């Protein structure tokens, strides 16, 4: 849950790098919340509930995706190519610093 909240705190931060763990935790929790809101919206006969949530998290979703591309030394513009960003999201990030910033994995290891 901490990774999900970290993405929301960096709401529109398109600079830097994001680990695979940060992206995929956000995607998983985002998916679970969307399903739950869809069910609740269906029960309450308010189907727009899930759509409102998705609209609220569209900018953080794009931001974390771009930061994830930065981790594998790709520009955020690669997000516009179908399928390719998904493949890159599974790849391990560049070890050490790259032109987009310091290695977030190394920073997490030193703070523990």
PDB file of N, CA and C in Angstrom:
ATOM      1  N   UNK A   1       0.820  -1.187   0.000  1.00  0.00           N
ATOM      2  CA  UNK A   1       0.000   0.000   0.000  1.00  0.00           C
ATOM      3  C   UNK A   1       0.871   1.261   0.000  1.00  0.00           C
ATOM      4  N   UNK A   2       2.071   1.138   0.598  1.00  0.00           N
ATOM      5  CA  UNK A   2       2.971   2.298   0.636  1.00  0.00           C
ATOM      6  C   UNK A   2       3.386   2.732  -0.766  1.00  0.00           C
ATOM      7  N   UNK A   3       3.596   1.747  -1.649  1.00  0.00           N
ATOM      8  CA  UNK A   3       3.996   2.077  -3.020  1.00  0.00           C
ATOM      9  C   UNK A   3       2.863   2.785  -3.750  1.00  0.00           C
ATOM     10  N   UNK A   4       1.639   2.368  -3.495  1.00  0.00           N
ATOM     11  CA  UNK A   4       0.473   2.999  -4.126  1.00  0.00           C
ATOM     12  C   UNK A   4       0.378   4.461  -3.683  1.00  0.00           C
ATOM     13  N   UNK A   5       0.519   4.685  -2.379  1.00  0.00           N
ATOM     14  CA  UNK A   5       0.450   6.048  -1.852  1.00  0.00           C
ATOM     15  C   UNK A   5       1.625   6.895  -2.319  1.00  0.00           C
ATOM     16  N   UNK A   6       2.786   6.267  -2.493  1.00  0.00           N
ATOM     17  CA  UNK A   6       3.954   7.014  -2.985  1.00  0.00           C
ATOM     18  C   UNK A   6       3.693   7.544  -4.390  1.00  0.00           C
ATOM     19  N   UNK A   7       3.020   6.743  -5.219  1.00  0.00           N
ATOM     20  CA  UNK A   7       2.688   7.194  -6.582  1.00  0.00           C
ATOM     21  C   UNK A   7       1.706   8.363  -6.511  1.00  0.00           C
ATOM     22  N   UNK A   8       0.728   8.279  -5.629  1.00  0.00           N
ATOM     23  CA  UNK A   8      -0.248   9.368  -5.507  1.00  0.00           C
ATOM     24  C   UNK A   8       0.400  10.646  -4.965  1.00  0.00           C
ATOM     25  N   UNK A   9       1.399  10.498  -4.099  1.00  0.00           N
ATOM     26  CA  UNK A   9       2.099  11.676  -3.570  1.00  0.00           C
ATOM     27  C   UNK A   9       2.906  12.373  -4.659  1.00  0.00           C
ATOM     28  N   UNK A  10       3.396  11.585  -5.627  1.00  0.00           N
ATOM     29  CA  UNK A  10       4.130  12.150  -6.765  1.00  0.00           C
ATOM     30  C   UNK A  10       3.150  12.364  -7.919  1.00  0.00           C
ATOM     31  N   UNK A  11       2.005  12.914  -7.632  1.00  0.00           N
ATOM     32  CA  UNK A  11       0.852  12.998  -8.532  1.00  0.00           C
ATOM     33  C   UNK A  11       1.214  13.323  -9.977  1.00  0.00           C
ATOM     34  N   UNK A  12       1.948  14.382 -10.184  1.00  0.00           N
ATOM     35  CA  UNK A  12       2.275  14.802 -11.549  1.00  0.00           C
ATOM     36  C   UNK A  12       3.780  14.977 -11.721  1.00  0.00           C
ATOM     37  N   UNK A  13       4.559  14.111 -11.063  1.00  0.00           N
ATOM     38  CA  UNK A  13       6.013  14.174 -11.166  1.00  0.00           C
ATOM     39  C   UNK A  13       6.461  13.241 -12.288  1.00  0.00           C
ATOM     40  N   UNK A  14       6.852  13.826 -13.411  1.00  0.00           N
ATOM     41  CA  UNK A  14       7.247  13.051 -14.581  1.00  0.00           C
ATOM     42  C   UNK A  14       8.761  12.900 -14.661  1.00  0.00           C
ATOM     43  N   UNK A  15       9.483  13.390 -13.675  1.00  0.00           N
ATOM     44  CA  UNK A  15      10.943  13.321 -13.652  1.00  0.00           C
ATOM     45  C   UNK A  15      11.397  12.225 -12.711  1.00  0.00           C
ATOM     46  N   UNK A  16      12.557  11.681 -12.983  1.00  0.00           N
ATOM     47  CA  UNK A  16      13.111  10.652 -12.121  1.00  0.00           C
ATOM     48  C   UNK A  16      12.801   9.259 -12.637  1.00  0.00           C
ATOM     49  N   UNK A  17      12.944   8.296 -11.740  1.00  0.00           N
ATOM     50  CA  UNK A  17      12.807   6.894 -12.108  1.00  0.00           C
ATOM     51  C   UNK A  17      11.884   6.176 -11.136  1.00  0.00           C
ATOM     52  N   UNK A  18      11.236   5.121 -11.611  1.00  0.00           N
ATOM     53  CA  UNK A  18      10.354   4.310 -10.770  1.00  0.00           C
ATOM     54  C   UNK A  18      10.731   2.843 -10.936  1.00  0.00           C
ATOM     55  N   UNK A  19      10.799   2.138  -9.824  1.00  0.00           N
ATOM     56  CA  UNK A  19      11.102   0.707  -9.843  1.00  0.00           C
ATOM     57  C   UNK A  19       9.927  -0.085 -10.399  1.00  0.00           C
ATOM     58  N   UNK A  20      10.211  -1.329 -10.800  1.00  0.00           N
ATOM     59  CA  UNK A  20       9.131  -2.221 -11.235  1.00  0.00           C
ATOM     60  C   UNK A  20       8.124  -2.418 -10.115  1.00  0.00           C
ATOM     61  N   UNK A  21       8.619  -2.554  -8.904  1.00  0.00           N
ATOM     62  CA  UNK A  21       7.746  -2.779  -7.745  1.00  0.00           C
ATOM     63  C   UNK A  21       6.766  -1.623  -7.570  1.00  0.00           C
ATOM     64  N   UNK A  22       7.231  -0.407  -7.758  1.00  0.00           N
ATOM     65  CA  UNK A  22       6.375   0.776  -7.627  1.00  0.00           C
ATOM     66  C   UNK A  22       5.259   0.756  -8.669  1.00  0.00           C
ATOM     67  N   UNK A  23       5.613   0.505  -9.919  1.00  0.00           N
ATOM     68  CA  UNK A  23       4.619   0.480 -10.994  1.00  0.00           C
ATOM     69  C   UNK A  23       3.615  -0.642 -10.804  1.00  0.00           C
ATOM     70  N   UNK A  24       4.083  -1.868 -10.612  1.00  0.00           N
ATOM     71  CA  UNK A  24       3.182  -3.010 -10.580  1.00  0.00           C
ATOM     72  C   UNK A  24       2.343  -3.054  -9.316  1.00  0.00           C
ATOM     73  N   UNK A  25       2.856  -2.543  -8.194  1.00  0.00           N
ATOM     74  CA  UNK A  25       2.020  -2.437  -6.994  1.00  0.00           C
ATOM     75  C   UNK A  25       0.906  -1.436  -7.234  1.00  0.00           C
ATOM     76  N   UNK A  26       1.238  -0.317  -7.861  1.00  0.00           N
ATOM     77  CA  UNK A  26       0.219   0.685  -8.188  1.00  0.00           C
ATOM     78  C   UNK A  26      -0.834   0.096  -9.126  1.00  0.00           C
ATOM     79  N   UNK A  27      -0.404  -0.631 -10.144  1.00  0.00           N
ATOM     80  CA  UNK A  27      -1.334  -1.226 -11.110  1.00  0.00           C
ATOM     81  C   UNK A  27      -2.246  -2.232 -10.417  1.00  0.00           C
ATOM     82  N   UNK A  28      -1.683  -3.089  -9.573  1.00  0.00           N
ATOM     83  CA  UNK A  28      -2.468  -4.114  -8.881  1.00  0.00           C
ATOM     84  C   UNK A  28      -3.505  -3.497  -7.947  1.00  0.00           C
ATOM     85  N   UNK A  29      -3.083  -2.555  -7.120  1.00  0.00           N
ATOM     86  CA  UNK A  29      -4.023  -1.922  -6.180  1.00  0.00           C
ATOM     87  C   UNK A  29      -5.048  -1.092  -6.934  1.00  0.00           C
ATOM     88  N   UNK A  30      -4.626  -0.406  -7.971  1.00  0.00           N
ATOM     89  CA  UNK A  30      -5.535   0.377  -8.803  1.00  0.00           C
ATOM     90  C   UNK A  30      -6.609  -0.527  -9.413  1.00  0.00           C
ATOM     91  N   UNK A  31      -6.200  -1.704  -9.898  1.00  0.00           N
ATOM     92  CA  UNK A  31      -7.136  -2.665 -10.473  1.00  0.00           C
ATOM     93  C   UNK A  31      -8.137  -3.161  -9.422  1.00  0.00           C
ATOM     94  N   UNK A  32      -7.637  -3.484  -8.216  1.00  0.00           N
ATOM     95  CA  UNK A  32      -8.511  -3.965  -7.143  1.00  0.00           C
ATOM     96  C   UNK A  32      -9.524  -2.897  -6.725  1.00  0.00           C
ATOM     97  N   UNK A  33      -9.067  -1.654  -6.616  1.00  0.00           N
ATOM     98  CA  UNK A  33      -9.972  -0.555  -6.255  1.00  0.00           C
ATOM     99  C   UNK A  33     -11.015  -0.349  -7.343  1.00  0.00           C
ATOM    100  N   UNK A  34     -10.603  -0.442  -8.598  1.00  0.00           N
ATOM    101  CA  UNK A  34     -11.549  -0.282  -9.709  1.00  0.00           C
ATOM    102  C   UNK A  34     -12.626  -1.355  -9.694  1.00  0.00           C
ATOM    103  N   UNK A  35     -12.225  -2.610  -9.444  1.00  0.00           N
ATOM    104  CA  UNK A  35     -13.198  -3.705  -9.358  1.00  0.00           C
ATOM    105  C   UNK A  35     -14.157  -3.456  -8.199  1.00  0.00           C
ATOM    106  N   UNK A  36     -13.609  -3.090  -7.038  1.00  0.00           N
ATOM    107  CA  UNK A  36     -14.450  -2.846  -5.863  1.00  0.00           C
ATOM    108  C   UNK A  36     -15.431  -1.701  -6.113  1.00  0.00           C
ATOM    109  N   UNK A  37     -14.950  -0.633  -6.718  1.00  0.00           N
ATOM    110  CA  UNK A  37     -15.839   0.498  -7.007  1.00  0.00           C
ATOM    111  C   UNK A  37     -16.881   0.142  -8.059  1.00  0.00           C
ATOM    112  N   UNK A  38     -16.514  -0.723  -8.993  1.00  0.00           N
ATOM    113  CA  UNK A  38     -17.483  -1.191  -9.980  1.00  0.00           C
ATOM    114  C   UNK A  38     -18.598  -1.987  -9.340  1.00  0.00           C
ATOM    115  N   UNK A  39     -18.225  -2.859  -8.389  1.00  0.00           N
ATOM    116  CA  UNK A  39     -19.232  -3.650  -7.670  1.00  0.00           C
ATOM    117  C   UNK A  39     -20.114  -2.753  -6.819  1.00  0.00           C
ATOM    118  N   UNK A  40     -19.487  -1.855  -6.059  1.00  0.00           N
ATOM    119  CA  UNK A  40     -20.248  -0.935  -5.210  1.00  0.00           C
ATOM    120  C   UNK A  40     -21.126  -0.029  -6.065  1.00  0.00           C
ATOM    121  N   UNK A  41     -20.584   0.457  -7.168  1.00  0.00           N
ATOM    122  CA  UNK A  41     -21.362   1.297  -8.076  1.00  0.00           C
ATOM    123  C   UNK A  41     -22.553   0.550  -8.658  1.00  0.00           C
ATOM    124  N   UNK A  42     -22.355  -0.730  -8.960  1.00  0.00           N
ATOM    125  CA  UNK A  42     -23.451  -1.554  -9.466  1.00  0.00           C
ATOM    126  C   UNK A  42     -24.536  -1.761  -8.421  1.00  0.00           C
ATOM    127  N   UNK A  43     -24.131  -1.987  -7.182  1.00  0.00           N
ATOM    128  CA  UNK A  43     -25.090  -2.175  -6.093  1.00  0.00           C
ATOM    129  C   UNK A  43     -25.881  -0.900  -5.845  1.00  0.00           C
ATOM    130  N   UNK A  44     -25.168   0.248  -5.865  1.00  0.00           N
ATOM    131  CA  UNK A  44     -25.818   1.538  -5.598  1.00  0.00           C
ATOM    132  C   UNK A  44     -26.485   2.128  -6.837  1.00  0.00           C
ATOM    133  N   UNK A  45     -26.367   1.417  -7.961  1.00  0.00           N
ATOM    134  CA  UNK A  45     -26.912   1.905  -9.232  1.00  0.00           C
ATOM    135  C   UNK A  45     -26.286   3.249  -9.626  1.00  0.00           C
ATOM    136  N   UNK A  46     -24.992   3.374  -9.337  1.00  0.00           N
ATOM    137  CA  UNK A  46     -24.220   4.566  -9.687  1.00  0.00           C
ATOM    138  C   UNK A  46     -22.969   4.088 -10.425  1.00  0.00           C
ATOM    139  N   UNK A  47     -23.149   3.720 -11.684  1.00  0.00           N
ATOM    140  CA  UNK A  47     -22.084   3.100 -12.463  1.00  0.00           C
ATOM    141  C   UNK A  47     -20.914   4.026 -12.756  1.00  0.00           C
ATOM    142  N   UNK A  48     -21.069   5.301 -12.577  1.00  0.00           N
ATOM    143  CA  UNK A  48     -20.005   6.255 -12.873  1.00  0.00           C
ATOM    144  C   UNK A  48     -18.939   6.290 -11.781  1.00  0.00           C
ATOM    145  N   UNK A  49     -19.155   5.599 -10.683  1.00  0.00           N
ATOM    146  CA  UNK A  49     -18.218   5.635  -9.554  1.00  0.00           C
ATOM    147  C   UNK A  49     -16.815   5.180  -9.967  1.00  0.00           C
ATOM    148  N   UNK A  50     -16.717   4.067 -10.678  1.00  0.00           N
ATOM    149  CA  UNK A  50     -15.417   3.575 -11.146  1.00  0.00           C
ATOM    150  C   UNK A  50     -14.780   4.513 -12.148  1.00  0.00           C
ATOM    151  N   UNK A  51     -15.590   5.106 -13.008  1.00  0.00           N
ATOM    152  CA  UNK A  51     -15.080   6.055 -13.997  1.00  0.00           C
ATOM    153  C   UNK A  51     -14.516   7.307 -13.360  1.00  0.00           C
ATOM    154  N   UNK A  52     -15.170   7.777 -12.312  1.00  0.00           N
ATOM    155  CA  UNK A  52     -14.686   8.955 -11.585  1.00  0.00           C
ATOM    156  C   UNK A  52     -13.327   8.658 -10.960  1.00  0.00           C
ATOM    157  N   UNK A  53     -13.204   7.470 -10.372  1.00  0.00           N
ATOM    158  CA  UNK A  53     -11.926   7.079  -9.776  1.00  0.00           C
ATOM    159  C   UNK A  53     -10.837   7.003 -10.847  1.00  0.00           C
ATOM    160  N   UNK A  54     -11.134   6.347 -11.971  1.00  0.00           N
ATOM    161  CA  UNK A  54     -10.147   6.221 -13.035  1.00  0.00           C
ATOM    162  C   UNK A  54      -9.721   7.580 -13.580  1.00  0.00           C
ATOM    163  N   UNK A  55     -10.654   8.491 -13.658  1.00  0.00           N
ATOM    164  CA  UNK A  55     -10.324   9.843 -14.097  1.00  0.00           C
ATOM    165  C   UNK A  55      -9.396  10.528 -13.098  1.00  0.00           C
ATOM    166  N   UNK A  56      -9.597  10.263 -11.817  1.00  0.00           N
ATOM    167  CA  UNK A  56      -8.764  10.869 -10.774  1.00  0.00           C
ATOM    168  C   UNK A  56      -7.330  10.327 -10.791  1.00  0.00           C
ATOM    169  N   UNK A  57      -7.134   9.083 -11.213  1.00  0.00           N
ATOM    170  CA  UNK A  57      -5.793   8.496 -11.174  1.00  0.00           C
ATOM    171  C   UNK A  57      -5.121   8.413 -12.546  1.00  0.00           C
ATOM    172  N   UNK A  58      -5.695   9.045 -13.551  1.00  0.00           N
ATOM    173  CA  UNK A  58      -5.086   8.970 -14.885  1.00  0.00           C
ATOM    174  C   UNK A  58      -3.728   9.679 -14.925  1.00  0.00           C
ATOM    175  N   UNK A  59      -3.607  10.820 -14.299  1.00  0.00           N
ATOM    176  CA  UNK A  59      -2.321  11.549 -14.310  1.00  0.00           C
ATOM    177  C   UNK A  59      -1.251  10.796 -13.517  1.00  0.00           C
ATOM    178  N   UNK A  60      -1.547  10.299 -12.288  1.00  0.00           N
ATOM    179  CA  UNK A  60      -0.514   9.509 -11.606  1.00  0.00           C
ATOM    180  C   UNK A  60      -0.135   8.239 -12.370  1.00  0.00           C
ATOM    181  N   UNK A  61      -1.084   7.638 -13.077  1.00  0.00           N
ATOM    182  CA  UNK A  61      -0.791   6.438 -13.865  1.00  0.00           C
ATOM    183  C   UNK A  61       0.189   6.750 -14.984  1.00  0.00           C
ATOM    184  N   UNK A  62      -0.043   7.841 -15.673  1.00  0.00           N
ATOM    185  CA  UNK A  62       0.861   8.246 -16.751  1.00  0.00           C
ATOM    186  C   UNK A  62       2.220   8.620 -16.179  1.00  0.00           C
ATOM    187  N   UNK A  63       2.223   9.337 -15.051  1.00  0.00           N
ATOM    188  CA  UNK A  63       3.482   9.781 -14.442  1.00  0.00           C
ATOM    189  C   UNK A  63       4.343   8.595 -14.013  1.00  0.00           C
ATOM    190  N   UNK A  64       3.750   7.609 -13.340  1.00  0.00           N
ATOM    191  CA  UNK A  64       4.542   6.460 -12.895  1.00  0.00           C
ATOM    192  C   UNK A  64       4.997   5.622 -14.092  1.00  0.00           C
ATOM    193  N   UNK A  65       4.205   5.571 -15.141  1.00  0.00           N
ATOM    194  CA  UNK A  65       4.609   4.845 -16.346  1.00  0.00           C
ATOM    195  C   UNK A  65       5.806   5.514 -17.021  1.00  0.00           C
ATOM    196  N   UNK A  66       5.789   6.818 -17.071  1.00  0.00           N
ATOM    197  CA  UNK A  66       6.912   7.550 -17.660  1.00  0.00           C
ATOM    198  C   UNK A  66       8.164   7.393 -16.804  1.00  0.00           C
ATOM    199  N   UNK A  67       8.006   7.473 -15.483  1.00  0.00           N
ATOM    200  CA  UNK A  67       9.166   7.271 -14.608  1.00  0.00           C
ATOM    201  C   UNK A  67       9.712   5.852 -14.742  1.00  0.00           C
ATOM    202  N   UNK A  68       8.823   4.879 -14.968  1.00  0.00           N
ATOM    203  CA  UNK A  68       9.276   3.493 -15.179  1.00  0.00           C
ATOM    204  C   UNK A  68      10.075   3.376 -16.477  1.00  0.00           C
ATOM    205  N   UNK A  69       9.629   4.053 -17.529  1.00  0.00           N
ATOM    206  CA  UNK A  69      10.392   4.058 -18.778  1.00  0.00           C
ATOM    207  C   UNK A  69      11.752   4.713 -18.572  1.00  0.00           C
ATOM    208  N   UNK A  70      11.795   5.756 -17.755  1.00  0.00           N
ATOM    209  CA  UNK A  70      13.067   6.407 -17.454  1.00  0.00           C
ATOM    210  C   UNK A  70      14.023   5.430 -16.766  1.00  0.00           C
ATOM    211  N   UNK A  71      13.481   4.495 -15.981  1.00  0.00           N
ATOM    212  CA  UNK A  71      14.328   3.543 -15.273  1.00  0.00           C
ATOM    213  C   UNK A  71      15.046   2.604 -16.230  1.00  0.00           C
ATOM    214  N   UNK A  72      14.457   2.358 -17.392  1.00  0.00           N
ATOM    215  CA  UNK A  72      15.116   1.510 -18.400  1.00  0.00           C
ATOM    216  C   UNK A  72      15.747   2.371 -19.499  1.00  0.00           C
ATOM    217  N   UNK A  73      15.994   3.631 -19.177  1.00  0.00           N
ATOM    218  CA  UNK A  73      16.658   4.610 -20.057  1.00  0.00           C
ATOM    219  C   UNK A  73      15.917   4.857 -21.363  1.00  0.00           C
ATOM    220  N   UNK A  74      14.610   4.949 -21.286  1.00  0.00           N
ATOM    221  CA  UNK A  74      13.795   5.285 -22.450  1.00  0.00           C
ATOM    222  C   UNK A  74      13.047   6.578 -22.159  1.00  0.00           C
ATOM    223  N   UNK A  75      12.773   7.314 -23.194  1.00  0.00           N
ATOM    224  CA  UNK A  75      12.010   8.547 -23.072  1.00  0.00           C
ATOM    225  C   UNK A  75      10.545   8.222 -22.767  1.00  0.00           C
ATOM    226  N   UNK A  76       9.867   9.148 -22.132  1.00  0.00           N
ATOM    227  CA  UNK A  76       8.449   8.987 -21.859  1.00  0.00           C
ATOM    228  C   UNK A  76       7.599   8.900 -23.112  1.00  0.00           C
ATOM    229  N   UNK A  77       8.137   9.370 -24.224  1.00  0.00           N
ATOM    230  CA  UNK A  77       7.405   9.311 -25.494  1.00  0.00           C
ATOM    231  C   UNK A  77       7.182   7.876 -25.957  1.00  0.00           C
ATOM    232  N   UNK A  78       7.975   6.942 -25.469  1.00  0.00           N
ATOM    233  CA  UNK A  78       7.782   5.536 -25.823  1.00  0.00           C
ATOM    234  C   UNK A  78       6.443   5.006 -25.307  1.00  0.00           C
ATOM    235  N   UNK A  79       5.837   5.732 -24.394  1.00  0.00           N
ATOM    236  CA  UNK A  79       4.519   5.347 -23.875  1.00  0.00           C
ATOM    237  C   UNK A  79       3.463   5.346 -24.977  1.00  0.00           C
ATOM    238  N   UNK A  80       3.707   6.096 -26.042  1.00  0.00           N
ATOM    239  CA  UNK A  80       2.743   6.194 -27.138  1.00  0.00           C
ATOM    240  C   UNK A  80       2.790   5.011 -28.107  1.00  0.00           C
ATOM    241  N   UNK A  81       3.809   4.161 -27.986  1.00  0.00           N
ATOM    242  CA  UNK A  81       3.928   2.998 -28.868  1.00  0.00           C
ATOM    243  C   UNK A  81       3.155   1.839 -28.228  1.00  0.00           C
ATOM    244  N   UNK A  82       2.208   1.263 -28.941  1.00  0.00           N
ATOM    245  CA  UNK A  82       1.422   0.160 -28.359  1.00  0.00           C
ATOM    246  C   UNK A  82       2.306  -1.040 -27.989  1.00  0.00           C
ATOM    247  N   UNK A  83       2.000  -1.673 -26.887  1.00  0.00           N
ATOM    248  CA  UNK A  83       2.624  -2.894 -26.373  1.00  0.00           C
ATOM    249  C   UNK A  83       4.062  -2.691 -25.861  1.00  0.00           C
ATOM    250  N   UNK A  84       4.868  -1.892 -26.513  1.00  0.00           N
ATOM    251  CA  UNK A  84       6.278  -1.721 -26.150  1.00  0.00           C
ATOM    252  C   UNK A  84       6.470  -1.277 -24.692  1.00  0.00           C
ATOM    253  N   UNK A  85       5.703  -0.316 -24.170  1.00  0.00           N
ATOM    254  CA  UNK A  85       5.894   0.061 -22.765  1.00  0.00           C
ATOM    255  C   UNK A  85       5.596  -1.072 -21.789  1.00  0.00           C
ATOM    256  N   UNK A  86       4.681  -1.966 -22.155  1.00  0.00           N
ATOM    257  CA  UNK A  86       4.376  -3.101 -21.281  1.00  0.00           C
ATOM    258  C   UNK A  86       5.583  -4.031 -21.218  1.00  0.00           C
ATOM    259  N   UNK A  87       6.206  -4.259 -22.353  1.00  0.00           N
ATOM    260  CA  UNK A  87       7.410  -5.097 -22.389  1.00  0.00           C
ATOM    261  C   UNK A  87       8.508  -4.449 -21.551  1.00  0.00           C
ATOM    262  N   UNK A  88       8.697  -3.153 -21.709  1.00  0.00           N
ATOM    263  CA  UNK A  88       9.735  -2.443 -20.950  1.00  0.00           C
ATOM    264  C   UNK A  88       9.437  -2.427 -19.455  1.00  0.00           C
ATOM    265  N   UNK A  89       8.164  -2.446 -19.082  1.00  0.00           N
ATOM    266  CA  UNK A  89       7.790  -2.413 -17.669  1.00  0.00           C
ATOM    267  C   UNK A  89       8.238  -3.673 -16.936  1.00  0.00           C
ATOM    268  N   UNK A  90       8.436  -4.766 -17.670  1.00  0.00           N
ATOM    269  CA  UNK A  90       8.898  -6.012 -17.062  1.00  0.00           C
ATOM    270  C   UNK A  90      10.414  -6.105 -16.987  1.00  0.00           C
ATOM    271  N   UNK A  91      11.109  -5.244 -17.695  1.00  0.00           N
ATOM    272  CA  UNK A  91      12.572  -5.298 -17.726  1.00  0.00           C
ATOM    273  C   UNK A  91      13.165  -4.683 -16.466  1.00  0.00           C
ATOM    274  N   UNK A  92      14.316  -5.202 -16.078  1.00  0.00           N
ATOM    275  CA  UNK A  92      15.017  -4.634 -14.935  1.00  0.00           C
ATOM    276  C   UNK A  92      15.571  -3.267 -15.316  1.00  0.00           C
ATOM    277  N   UNK A  93      15.537  -2.339 -14.374  1.00  0.00           N
ATOM    278  CA  UNK A  93      16.038  -1.001 -14.628  1.00  0.00           C
ATOM    279  C   UNK A  93      17.550  -0.961 -14.733  1.00  0.00           C
ATOM    280  N   UNK A  94      18.045   0.136 -15.219  1.00  0.00           N
ATOM    281  CA  UNK A  94      19.482   0.353 -15.347  1.00  0.00           C
ATOM    282  C   UNK A  94      20.111   0.406 -13.965  1.00  0.00           C
ATOM    283  N   UNK A  95      21.167  -0.354 -13.777  1.00  0.00           N
ATOM    284  CA  UNK A  95      21.877  -0.321 -12.499  1.00  0.00           C
ATOM    285  C   UNK A  95      22.684   0.966 -12.420  1.00  0.00           C
ATOM    286  N   UNK A  96      22.643   1.603 -11.266  1.00  0.00           N
ATOM    287  CA  UNK A  96      23.367   2.848 -11.091  1.00  0.00           C
ATOM    288  C   UNK A  96      22.604   4.023 -11.686  1.00  0.00           C
ATOM    289  N   UNK A  97      23.245   5.158 -11.686  1.00  0.00           N
ATOM    290  CA  UNK A  97      22.617   6.368 -12.204  1.00  0.00           C
ATOM    291  C   UNK A  97      22.509   6.311 -13.718  1.00  0.00           C
ATOM    292  N   UNK A  98      21.480   6.959 -14.241  1.00  0.00           N
ATOM    293  CA  UNK A  98      21.384   7.171 -15.681  1.00  0.00           C
ATOM    294  C   UNK A  98      20.998   8.628 -15.904  1.00  0.00           C
ATOM    295  N   UNK A  99      20.741   9.010 -17.145  1.00  0.00           N
ATOM    296  CA  UNK A  99      20.486  10.425 -17.430  1.00  0.00           C
ATOM    297  C   UNK A  99      19.181  10.933 -16.816  1.00  0.00           C
ATOM    298  N   UNK A 100      18.342  10.034 -16.319  1.00  0.00           N
ATOM    299  CA  UNK A 100      17.079  10.440 -15.720  1.00  0.00           C
ATOM    300  C   UNK A 100      17.133  10.539 -14.196  1.00  0.00           C
ATOM    301  N   UNK A 101      18.232  10.102 -13.606  1.00  0.00           N
ATOM    302  CA  UNK A 101      18.372  10.242 -12.161  1.00  0.00           C
ATOM    303  C   UNK A 101      19.055   9.049 -11.521  1.00  0.00           C
ATOM    304  N   UNK A 102      19.112   9.070 -10.188  1.00  0.00           N
ATOM    305  CA  UNK A 102      19.769   7.982  -9.458  1.00  0.00           C
ATOM    306  C   UNK A 102      18.924   6.698  -9.477  1.00  0.00           C
ATOM    307  N   UNK A 103      19.585   5.596  -9.237  1.00  0.00           N
ATOM    308  CA  UNK A 103      18.932   4.293  -9.219  1.00  0.00           C
ATOM    309  C   UNK A 103      18.002   4.200  -7.998  1.00  0.00           C
ATOM    310  N   UNK A 104      16.681   4.066  -8.199  1.00  0.00           N
ATOM    311  CA  UNK A 104      15.755   4.011  -7.061  1.00  0.00           C
ATOM    312  C   UNK A 104      15.909   2.724  -6.251  1.00  0.00           C
ATOM    313  N   UNK A 105      16.383   1.671  -6.877  1.00  0.00           N
ATOM    314  CA  UNK A 105      16.593   0.414  -6.171  1.00  0.00           C
ATOM    315  C   UNK A 105      17.769   0.544  -5.209  1.00  0.00           C
ATOM    316  N   UNK A 106      18.832   1.194  -5.636  1.00  0.00           N
ATOM    317  CA  UNK A 106      19.990   1.403  -4.777  1.00  0.00           C
ATOM    318  C   UNK A 106      19.644   2.324  -3.610  1.00  0.00           C
ATOM    319  N   UNK A 107      18.810   3.325  -3.867  1.00  0.00           N
ATOM    320  CA  UNK A 107      18.389   4.242  -2.804  1.00  0.00           C
ATOM    321  C   UNK A 107      17.561   3.511  -1.761  1.00  0.00           C
ATOM    322  N   UNK A 108      16.728   2.565  -2.170  1.00  0.00           N
ATOM    323  CA  UNK A 108      15.898   1.802  -1.233  1.00  0.00           C
ATOM    324  C   UNK A 108      16.761   0.875  -0.379  1.00  0.00           C
ATOM    325  N   UNK A 109      17.813   0.337  -0.966  1.00  0.00           N
ATOM    326  CA  UNK A 109      18.698  -0.571  -0.214  1.00  0.00           C
ATOM    327  C   UNK A 109      19.479   0.195   0.844  1.00  0.00           C
ATOM    328  N   UNK A 110      19.940   1.384   0.531  1.00  0.00           N
ATOM    329  CA  UNK A 110      20.751   2.153   1.481  1.00  0.00           C
ATOM    330  C   UNK A 110      19.918   2.731   2.618  1.00  0.00           C
ATOM    331  N   UNK A 111      18.611   2.906   2.430  1.00  0.00           N
ATOM    332  CA  UNK A 111      17.781   3.480   3.489  1.00  0.00           C
ATOM    333  C   UNK A 111      17.276   2.433   4.458  1.00  0.00           C
ATOM    334  N   UNK A 112      17.453   1.153   4.150  1.00  0.00           N
ATOM    335  CA  UNK A 112      16.942   0.108   5.039  1.00  0.00           C
ATOM    336  C   UNK A 112      17.924  -0.239   6.108  1.00  0.00           C
TER     337      UNK A 112
END
